[in-house]
Amino acid sequence: YNDLKKYFREFGERVKVADWYQGLSR
């Protein structure tokens, strides 16, 4: 939850949750 918030703050409103998920480790 915290990691997703940081991701959206860093990359802006146009990114997708799926983009964040794909960038995670296995």
Full PDB file with SEQRES, HELIX, SHEET, SSBOND, CRYST1, ORIGX, SCALE, CONECT and MASTER records, all heavy atoms in Angstrom:
SEQRES   1 A   26  TYR ASN ASP LEU LYS LYS TYR PHE ARG GLU PHE GLY GLU          
SEQRES   2 A   26  ARG VAL LYS VAL ALA ASP TRP TYR GLN GLY LEU SER ARG          
HELIX    1 AA1 ASN A    2  PHE A   11  1                                  10    
HELIX    2 AA2 VAL A   17  GLN A   22  1                                   6    
CRYST1    1.000    1.000    1.000  90.00  90.00  90.00 P 1           1          
ORIGX1      1.000000  0.000000  0.000000        0.00000                         
ORIGX2      0.000000  1.000000  0.000000        0.00000                         
ORIGX3      0.000000  0.000000  1.000000        0.00000                         
SCALE1      1.000000  0.000000  0.000000        0.00000                         
SCALE2      0.000000  1.000000  0.000000        0.00000                         
SCALE3      0.000000  0.000000  1.000000        0.00000                         
ATOM      1  N   TYR A   1       0.844  -1.202   0.000  1.00  0.00           N  
ATOM      2  CA  TYR A   1       0.000   0.000   0.000  1.00  0.00           C  
ATOM      3  C   TYR A   1       0.881   1.255   0.000  1.00  0.00           C  
ATOM      4  O   TYR A   1       0.695   2.161  -0.818  1.00  0.00           O  
ATOM      5  CB  TYR A   1      -0.914  -0.053   1.229  1.00  0.00           C  
ATOM      6  CG  TYR A   1      -1.572   1.230   1.628  1.00  0.00           C  
ATOM      7  CD1 TYR A   1      -2.701   1.695   0.969  1.00  0.00           C  
ATOM      8  CD2 TYR A   1      -1.094   1.968   2.706  1.00  0.00           C  
ATOM      9  CE1 TYR A   1      -3.329   2.865   1.364  1.00  0.00           C  
ATOM     10  CE2 TYR A   1      -1.713   3.134   3.101  1.00  0.00           C  
ATOM     11  CZ  TYR A   1      -2.826   3.577   2.426  1.00  0.00           C  
ATOM     12  OH  TYR A   1      -3.439   4.740   2.815  1.00  0.00           O  
ATOM     13  N   ASN A   2       1.857   1.292   0.887  1.00  0.00           N  
ATOM     14  CA  ASN A   2       2.767   2.443   0.954  1.00  0.00           C  
ATOM     15  C   ASN A   2       3.624   2.558  -0.296  1.00  0.00           C  
ATOM     16  O   ASN A   2       3.867   3.650  -0.799  1.00  0.00           O  
ATOM     17  CB  ASN A   2       3.657   2.350   2.188  1.00  0.00           C  
ATOM     18  CG  ASN A   2       2.942   2.810   3.426  1.00  0.00           C  
ATOM     19  OD1 ASN A   2       2.030   3.631   3.349  1.00  0.00           O  
ATOM     20  ND2 ASN A   2       3.334   2.281   4.565  1.00  0.00           N  
ATOM     21  N   ASP A   3       4.072   1.425  -0.823  1.00  0.00           N  
ATOM     22  CA  ASP A   3       4.882   1.429  -2.032  1.00  0.00           C  
ATOM     23  C   ASP A   3       4.092   1.969  -3.224  1.00  0.00           C  
ATOM     24  O   ASP A   3       4.616   2.732  -4.033  1.00  0.00           O  
ATOM     25  CB  ASP A   3       5.375   0.008  -2.305  1.00  0.00           C  
ATOM     26  CG  ASP A   3       6.389  -0.044  -3.421  1.00  0.00           C  
ATOM     27  OD1 ASP A   3       7.260   0.849  -3.468  1.00  0.00           O  
ATOM     28  OD2 ASP A   3       6.306  -0.965  -4.243  1.00  0.00           O  
ATOM     29  N   LEU A   4       2.820   1.586  -3.318  1.00  0.00           N  
ATOM     30  CA  LEU A   4       1.975   2.082  -4.412  1.00  0.00           C  
ATOM     31  C   LEU A   4       1.762   3.593  -4.297  1.00  0.00           C  
ATOM     32  O   LEU A   4       1.819   4.306  -5.299  1.00  0.00           O  
ATOM     33  CB  LEU A   4       0.628   1.352  -4.399  1.00  0.00           C  
ATOM     34  CG  LEU A   4      -0.361   1.741  -5.493  1.00  0.00           C  
ATOM     35  CD1 LEU A   4       0.209   1.445  -6.873  1.00  0.00           C  
ATOM     36  CD2 LEU A   4      -1.669   1.005  -5.289  1.00  0.00           C  
ATOM     37  N   LYS A   5       1.558   4.094  -3.087  1.00  0.00           N  
ATOM     38  CA  LYS A   5       1.410   5.541  -2.897  1.00  0.00           C  
ATOM     39  C   LYS A   5       2.676   6.279  -3.334  1.00  0.00           C  
ATOM     40  O   LYS A   5       2.602   7.290  -4.026  1.00  0.00           O  
ATOM     41  CB  LYS A   5       1.103   5.864  -1.431  1.00  0.00           C  
ATOM     42  CG  LYS A   5      -0.279   5.494  -0.991  1.00  0.00           C  
ATOM     43  CD  LYS A   5      -0.666   6.080   0.343  1.00  0.00           C  
ATOM     44  CE  LYS A   5       0.366   5.985   1.412  1.00  0.00           C  
ATOM     45  NZ  LYS A   5      -0.061   6.492   2.723  1.00  0.00           N  
ATOM     46  N   LYS A   6       3.825   5.764  -2.946  1.00  0.00           N  
ATOM     47  CA  LYS A   6       5.093   6.392  -3.332  1.00  0.00           C  
ATOM     48  C   LYS A   6       5.263   6.379  -4.849  1.00  0.00           C  
ATOM     49  O   LYS A   6       5.737   7.355  -5.427  1.00  0.00           O  
ATOM     50  CB  LYS A   6       6.263   5.658  -2.679  1.00  0.00           C  
ATOM     51  CG  LYS A   6       6.370   5.879  -1.205  1.00  0.00           C  
ATOM     52  CD  LYS A   6       7.503   5.056  -0.641  1.00  0.00           C  
ATOM     53  CE  LYS A   6       7.505   5.084   0.864  1.00  0.00           C  
ATOM     54  NZ  LYS A   6       8.542   4.187   1.419  1.00  0.00           N  
ATOM     55  N   TYR A   7       4.891   5.287  -5.481  1.00  0.00           N  
ATOM     56  CA  TYR A   7       5.006   5.154  -6.936  1.00  0.00           C  
ATOM     57  C   TYR A   7       4.159   6.214  -7.632  1.00  0.00           C  
ATOM     58  O   TYR A   7       4.624   6.872  -8.562  1.00  0.00           O  
ATOM     59  CB  TYR A   7       4.566   3.747  -7.345  1.00  0.00           C  
ATOM     60  CG  TYR A   7       4.692   3.459  -8.819  1.00  0.00           C  
ATOM     61  CD1 TYR A   7       5.910   3.081  -9.366  1.00  0.00           C  
ATOM     62  CD2 TYR A   7       3.594   3.549  -9.662  1.00  0.00           C  
ATOM     63  CE1 TYR A   7       6.032   2.797 -10.715  1.00  0.00           C  
ATOM     64  CE2 TYR A   7       3.706   3.270 -11.017  1.00  0.00           C  
ATOM     65  CZ  TYR A   7       4.926   2.896 -11.532  1.00  0.00           C  
ATOM     66  OH  TYR A   7       5.033   2.625 -12.870  1.00  0.00           O  
ATOM     67  N   PHE A   8       2.929   6.408  -7.172  1.00  0.00           N  
ATOM     68  CA  PHE A   8       2.050   7.406  -7.790  1.00  0.00           C  
ATOM     69  C   PHE A   8       2.547   8.826  -7.524  1.00  0.00           C  
ATOM     70  O   PHE A   8       2.404   9.697  -8.368  1.00  0.00           O  
ATOM     71  CB  PHE A   8       0.608   7.232  -7.307  1.00  0.00           C  
ATOM     72  CG  PHE A   8      -0.203   6.349  -8.201  1.00  0.00           C  
ATOM     73  CD1 PHE A   8      -0.035   4.980  -8.170  1.00  0.00           C  
ATOM     74  CD2 PHE A   8      -1.123   6.877  -9.088  1.00  0.00           C  
ATOM     75  CE1 PHE A   8      -0.773   4.155  -8.996  1.00  0.00           C  
ATOM     76  CE2 PHE A   8      -1.862   6.072  -9.925  1.00  0.00           C  
ATOM     77  CZ  PHE A   8      -1.681   4.699  -9.880  1.00  0.00           C  
ATOM     78  N   ARG A   9       3.123   9.074  -6.354  1.00  0.00           N  
ATOM     79  CA  ARG A   9       3.668  10.399  -6.075  1.00  0.00           C  
ATOM     80  C   ARG A   9       4.876  10.691  -6.960  1.00  0.00           C  
ATOM     81  O   ARG A   9       5.081  11.800  -7.415  1.00  0.00           O  
ATOM     82  CB  ARG A   9       4.057  10.514  -4.609  1.00  0.00           C  
ATOM     83  CG  ARG A   9       2.923  10.937  -3.746  1.00  0.00           C  
ATOM     84  CD  ARG A   9       3.412  11.352  -2.368  1.00  0.00           C  
ATOM     85  NE  ARG A   9       2.470  10.800  -1.417  1.00  0.00           N  
ATOM     86  CZ  ARG A   9       2.675   9.730  -0.672  1.00  0.00           C  
ATOM     87  NH1 ARG A   9       3.812   9.101  -0.707  1.00  0.00           N  
ATOM     88  NH2 ARG A   9       1.756   9.289   0.144  1.00  0.00           N  
ATOM     89  N   GLU A  10       5.686   9.662  -7.195  1.00  0.00           N  
ATOM     90  CA  GLU A  10       6.913   9.846  -7.974  1.00  0.00           C  
ATOM     91  C   GLU A  10       6.647   9.988  -9.469  1.00  0.00           C  
ATOM     92  O   GLU A  10       7.237  10.845 -10.132  1.00  0.00           O  
ATOM     93  CB  GLU A  10       7.847   8.656  -7.743  1.00  0.00           C  
ATOM     94  CG  GLU A  10       9.172   8.776  -8.441  1.00  0.00           C  
ATOM     95  CD  GLU A  10      10.099   7.614  -8.134  1.00  0.00           C  
ATOM     96  OE1 GLU A  10       9.884   6.925  -7.125  1.00  0.00           O  
ATOM     97  OE2 GLU A  10      11.037   7.415  -8.911  1.00  0.00           O  
ATOM     98  N   PHE A  11       5.740   9.181 -10.014  1.00  0.00           N  
ATOM     99  CA  PHE A  11       5.535   9.156 -11.468  1.00  0.00           C  
ATOM    100  C   PHE A  11       4.292   9.895 -11.934  1.00  0.00           C  
ATOM    101  O   PHE A  11       4.074  10.023 -13.131  1.00  0.00           O  
ATOM    102  CB  PHE A  11       5.490   7.709 -11.970  1.00  0.00           C  
ATOM    103  CG  PHE A  11       6.801   7.014 -11.828  1.00  0.00           C  
ATOM    104  CD1 PHE A  11       7.005   6.082 -10.827  1.00  0.00           C  
ATOM    105  CD2 PHE A  11       7.860   7.319 -12.667  1.00  0.00           C  
ATOM    106  CE1 PHE A  11       8.218   5.447 -10.681  1.00  0.00           C  
ATOM    107  CE2 PHE A  11       9.089   6.685 -12.531  1.00  0.00           C  
ATOM    108  CZ  PHE A  11       9.267   5.741 -11.536  1.00  0.00           C  
ATOM    109  N   GLY A  12       3.454  10.347 -11.028  1.00  0.00           N  
ATOM    110  CA  GLY A  12       2.308  11.156 -11.410  1.00  0.00           C  
ATOM    111  C   GLY A  12       1.024  10.370 -11.576  1.00  0.00           C  
ATOM    112  O   GLY A  12       0.961   9.167 -11.357  1.00  0.00           O  
ATOM    113  N   GLU A  13      -0.016  11.086 -11.976  1.00  0.00           N  
ATOM    114  CA  GLU A  13      -1.363  10.546 -12.040  1.00  0.00           C  
ATOM    115  C   GLU A  13      -1.612   9.661 -13.256  1.00  0.00           C  
ATOM    116  O   GLU A  13      -2.602   8.950 -13.303  1.00  0.00           O  
ATOM    117  CB  GLU A  13      -2.376  11.703 -12.049  1.00  0.00           C  
ATOM    118  CG  GLU A  13      -2.290  12.602 -10.833  1.00  0.00           C  
ATOM    119  CD  GLU A  13      -2.736  11.906  -9.568  1.00  0.00           C  
ATOM    120  OE1 GLU A  13      -3.718  11.154  -9.629  1.00  0.00           O  
ATOM    121  OE2 GLU A  13      -2.098  12.111  -8.524  1.00  0.00           O  
ATOM    122  N   ARG A  14      -0.758   9.718 -14.248  1.00  0.00           N  
ATOM    123  CA  ARG A  14      -1.020   8.986 -15.501  1.00  0.00           C  
ATOM    124  C   ARG A  14      -0.598   7.525 -15.465  1.00  0.00           C  
ATOM    125  O   ARG A  14      -0.929   6.773 -16.360  1.00  0.00           O  
ATOM    126  CB  ARG A  14      -0.317   9.672 -16.661  1.00  0.00           C  
ATOM    127  CG  ARG A  14      -0.880  11.030 -16.930  1.00  0.00           C  
ATOM    128  CD  ARG A  14      -0.251  11.638 -18.137  1.00  0.00           C  
ATOM    129  NE  ARG A  14      -0.779  12.980 -18.318  1.00  0.00           N  
ATOM    130  CZ  ARG A  14      -0.332  13.823 -19.192  1.00  0.00           C  
ATOM    131  NH1 ARG A  14       0.666  13.472 -19.978  1.00  0.00           N  
ATOM    132  NH2 ARG A  14      -0.861  15.018 -19.303  1.00  0.00           N  
ATOM    133  N   VAL A  15       0.160   7.125 -14.461  1.00  0.00           N  
ATOM    134  CA  VAL A  15       0.599   5.737 -14.387  1.00  0.00           C  
ATOM    135  C   VAL A  15      -0.561   4.831 -13.981  1.00  0.00           C  
ATOM    136  O   VAL A  15      -1.582   5.295 -13.489  1.00  0.00           O  
ATOM    137  CB  VAL A  15       1.782   5.572 -13.410  1.00  0.00           C  
ATOM    138  CG1 VAL A  15       2.982   6.329 -13.893  1.00  0.00           C  
ATOM    139  CG2 VAL A  15       1.397   5.987 -12.016  1.00  0.00           C  
ATOM    140  N   LYS A  16      -0.392   3.546 -14.186  1.00  0.00           N  
ATOM    141  CA  LYS A  16      -1.433   2.573 -13.856  1.00  0.00           C  
ATOM    142  C   LYS A  16      -0.948   1.655 -12.746  1.00  0.00           C  
ATOM    143  O   LYS A  16       0.258   1.452 -12.576  1.00  0.00           O  
ATOM    144  CB  LYS A  16      -1.778   1.726 -15.079  1.00  0.00           C  
ATOM    145  CG  LYS A  16      -2.347   2.515 -16.222  1.00  0.00           C  
ATOM    146  CD  LYS A  16      -2.657   1.593 -17.385  1.00  0.00           C  
ATOM    147  CE  LYS A  16      -3.231   2.381 -18.541  1.00  0.00           C  
ATOM    148  NZ  LYS A  16      -3.538   1.485 -19.677  1.00  0.00           N  
ATOM    149  N   VAL A  17      -1.897   1.092 -12.031  1.00  0.00           N  
ATOM    150  CA  VAL A  17      -1.560   0.130 -10.991  1.00  0.00           C  
ATOM    151  C   VAL A  17      -0.873  -1.076 -11.625  1.00  0.00           C  
ATOM    152  O   VAL A  17       0.063  -1.639 -11.057  1.00  0.00           O  
ATOM    153  CB  VAL A  17      -2.819  -0.296 -10.197  1.00  0.00           C  
ATOM    154  CG1 VAL A  17      -2.489  -1.369  -9.172  1.00  0.00           C  
ATOM    155  CG2 VAL A  17      -3.442   0.914  -9.503  1.00  0.00           C  
ATOM    156  N   ALA A  18      -1.306  -1.464 -12.823  1.00  0.00           N  
ATOM    157  CA  ALA A  18      -0.688  -2.598 -13.518  1.00  0.00           C  
ATOM    158  C   ALA A  18       0.784  -2.325 -13.821  1.00  0.00           C  
ATOM    159  O   ALA A  18       1.611  -3.245 -13.760  1.00  0.00           O  
ATOM    160  CB  ALA A  18      -1.447  -2.904 -14.802  1.00  0.00           C  
ATOM    161  N   ASP A  19       1.135  -1.070 -14.122  1.00  0.00           N  
ATOM    162  CA  ASP A  19       2.542  -0.716 -14.363  1.00  0.00           C  
ATOM    163  C   ASP A  19       3.363  -0.922 -13.097  1.00  0.00           C  
ATOM    164  O   ASP A  19       4.477  -1.446 -13.136  1.00  0.00           O  
ATOM    165  CB  ASP A  19       2.667   0.735 -14.819  1.00  0.00           C  
ATOM    166  CG  ASP A  19       1.983   1.005 -16.145  1.00  0.00           C  
ATOM    167  OD1 ASP A  19       1.810   0.046 -16.936  1.00  0.00           O  
ATOM    168  OD2 ASP A  19       1.606   2.167 -16.377  1.00  0.00           O  
ATOM    169  N   TRP A  20       2.818  -0.468 -11.975  1.00  0.00           N  
ATOM    170  CA  TRP A  20       3.492  -0.649 -10.691  1.00  0.00           C  
ATOM    171  C   TRP A  20       3.666  -2.134 -10.399  1.00  0.00           C  
ATOM    172  O   TRP A  20       4.745  -2.572  -9.998  1.00  0.00           O  
ATOM    173  CB  TRP A  20       2.675   0.036  -9.584  1.00  0.00           C  
ATOM    174  CG  TRP A  20       3.093  -0.348  -8.204  1.00  0.00           C  
ATOM    175  CD1 TRP A  20       4.159   0.113  -7.506  1.00  0.00           C  
ATOM    176  CD2 TRP A  20       2.433  -1.292  -7.351  1.00  0.00           C  
ATOM    177  NE1 TRP A  20       4.212  -0.487  -6.269  1.00  0.00           N  
ATOM    178  CE2 TRP A  20       3.155  -1.347  -6.155  1.00  0.00           C  
ATOM    179  CE3 TRP A  20       1.298  -2.083  -7.483  1.00  0.00           C  
ATOM    180  CZ2 TRP A  20       2.783  -2.163  -5.097  1.00  0.00           C  
ATOM    181  CZ3 TRP A  20       0.923  -2.897  -6.429  1.00  0.00           C  
ATOM    182  CH2 TRP A  20       1.668  -2.924  -5.257  1.00  0.00           C  
ATOM    183  N   TYR A  21       2.618  -2.922 -10.617  1.00  0.00           N  
ATOM    184  CA  TYR A  21       2.663  -4.359 -10.338  1.00  0.00           C  
ATOM    185  C   TYR A  21       3.719  -5.058 -11.200  1.00  0.00           C  
ATOM    186  O   TYR A  21       4.462  -5.897 -10.710  1.00  0.00           O  
ATOM    187  CB  TYR A  21       1.283  -4.977 -10.577  1.00  0.00           C  
ATOM    188  CG  TYR A  21       1.233  -6.454 -10.285  1.00  0.00           C  
ATOM    189  CD1 TYR A  21       1.126  -6.919  -8.983  1.00  0.00           C  
ATOM    190  CD2 TYR A  21       1.301  -7.378 -11.311  1.00  0.00           C  
ATOM    191  CE1 TYR A  21       1.097  -8.273  -8.712  1.00  0.00           C  
ATOM    192  CE2 TYR A  21       1.270  -8.736 -11.053  1.00  0.00           C  
ATOM    193  CZ  TYR A  21       1.158  -9.174  -9.747  1.00  0.00           C  
ATOM    194  OH  TYR A  21       1.140 -10.521  -9.487  1.00  0.00           O  
ATOM    195  N   GLN A  22       3.805  -4.690 -12.479  1.00  0.00           N  
ATOM    196  CA  GLN A  22       4.778  -5.316 -13.375  1.00  0.00           C  
ATOM    197  C   GLN A  22       6.217  -5.020 -12.958  1.00  0.00           C  
ATOM    198  O   GLN A  22       7.113  -5.809 -13.229  1.00  0.00           O  
ATOM    199  CB  GLN A  22       4.554  -4.853 -14.822  1.00  0.00           C  
ATOM    200  CG  GLN A  22       3.280  -5.369 -15.428  1.00  0.00           C  
ATOM    201  CD  GLN A  22       3.207  -6.881 -15.458  1.00  0.00           C  
ATOM    202  OE1 GLN A  22       4.195  -7.553 -15.708  1.00  0.00           O  
ATOM    203  NE2 GLN A  22       2.038  -7.413 -15.181  1.00  0.00           N  
ATOM    204  N   GLY A  23       6.442  -3.901 -12.290  1.00  0.00           N  
ATOM    205  CA  GLY A  23       7.778  -3.537 -11.858  1.00  0.00           C  
ATOM    206  C   GLY A  23       8.236  -4.214 -10.578  1.00  0.00           C  
ATOM    207  O   GLY A  23       9.392  -4.084 -10.187  1.00  0.00           O  
ATOM    208  N   LEU A  24       7.355  -4.964  -9.941  1.00  0.00           N  
ATOM    209  CA  LEU A  24       7.710  -5.643  -8.693  1.00  0.00           C  
ATOM    210  C   LEU A  24       8.513  -6.906  -8.964  1.00  0.00           C  
ATOM    211  O   LEU A  24       8.441  -7.491 -10.046  1.00  0.00           O  
ATOM    212  CB  LEU A  24       6.444  -6.013  -7.911  1.00  0.00           C  
ATOM    213  CG  LEU A  24       5.576  -4.861  -7.426  1.00  0.00           C  
ATOM    214  CD1 LEU A  24       4.311  -5.406  -6.777  1.00  0.00           C  
ATOM    215  CD2 LEU A  24       6.328  -3.976  -6.462  1.00  0.00           C  
ATOM    216  N   SER A  25       9.243  -7.342  -7.945  1.00  0.00           N  
ATOM    217  CA  SER A  25       9.981  -8.594  -8.065  1.00  0.00           C  
ATOM    218  C   SER A  25       9.016  -9.773  -7.977  1.00  0.00           C  
ATOM    219  O   SER A  25       7.871  -9.631  -7.550  1.00  0.00           O  
ATOM    220  CB  SER A  25      11.031  -8.705  -6.953  1.00  0.00           C  
ATOM    221  OG  SER A  25      10.383  -8.902  -5.709  1.00  0.00           O  
ATOM    222  N   ARG A  26       9.485 -10.926  -8.360  1.00  0.00           N  
ATOM    223  CA  ARG A  26       8.656 -12.133  -8.326  1.00  0.00           C  
ATOM    224  C   ARG A  26       8.161 -12.430  -6.909  1.00  0.00           C  
ATOM    225  O   ARG A  26       7.004 -12.798  -6.714  1.00  0.00           O  
ATOM    226  CB  ARG A  26       9.447 -13.314  -8.865  1.00  0.00           C  
ATOM    227  CG  ARG A  26       8.719 -14.626  -8.745  1.00  0.00           C  
ATOM    228  CD  ARG A  26       9.530 -15.745  -9.275  1.00  0.00           C  
ATOM    229  NE  ARG A  26       9.094 -15.968 -10.633  1.00  0.00           N  
ATOM    230  CZ  ARG A  26       9.641 -16.806 -11.452  1.00  0.00           C  
ATOM    231  NH1 ARG A  26      10.686 -17.498 -11.085  1.00  0.00           N  
ATOM    232  NH2 ARG A  26       9.153 -16.972 -12.668  1.00  0.00           N  
TER     233      ARG A  26                                                      
MASTER        0    0    0    2    0    0    0    6  232    1    0    2          
END                                                                             
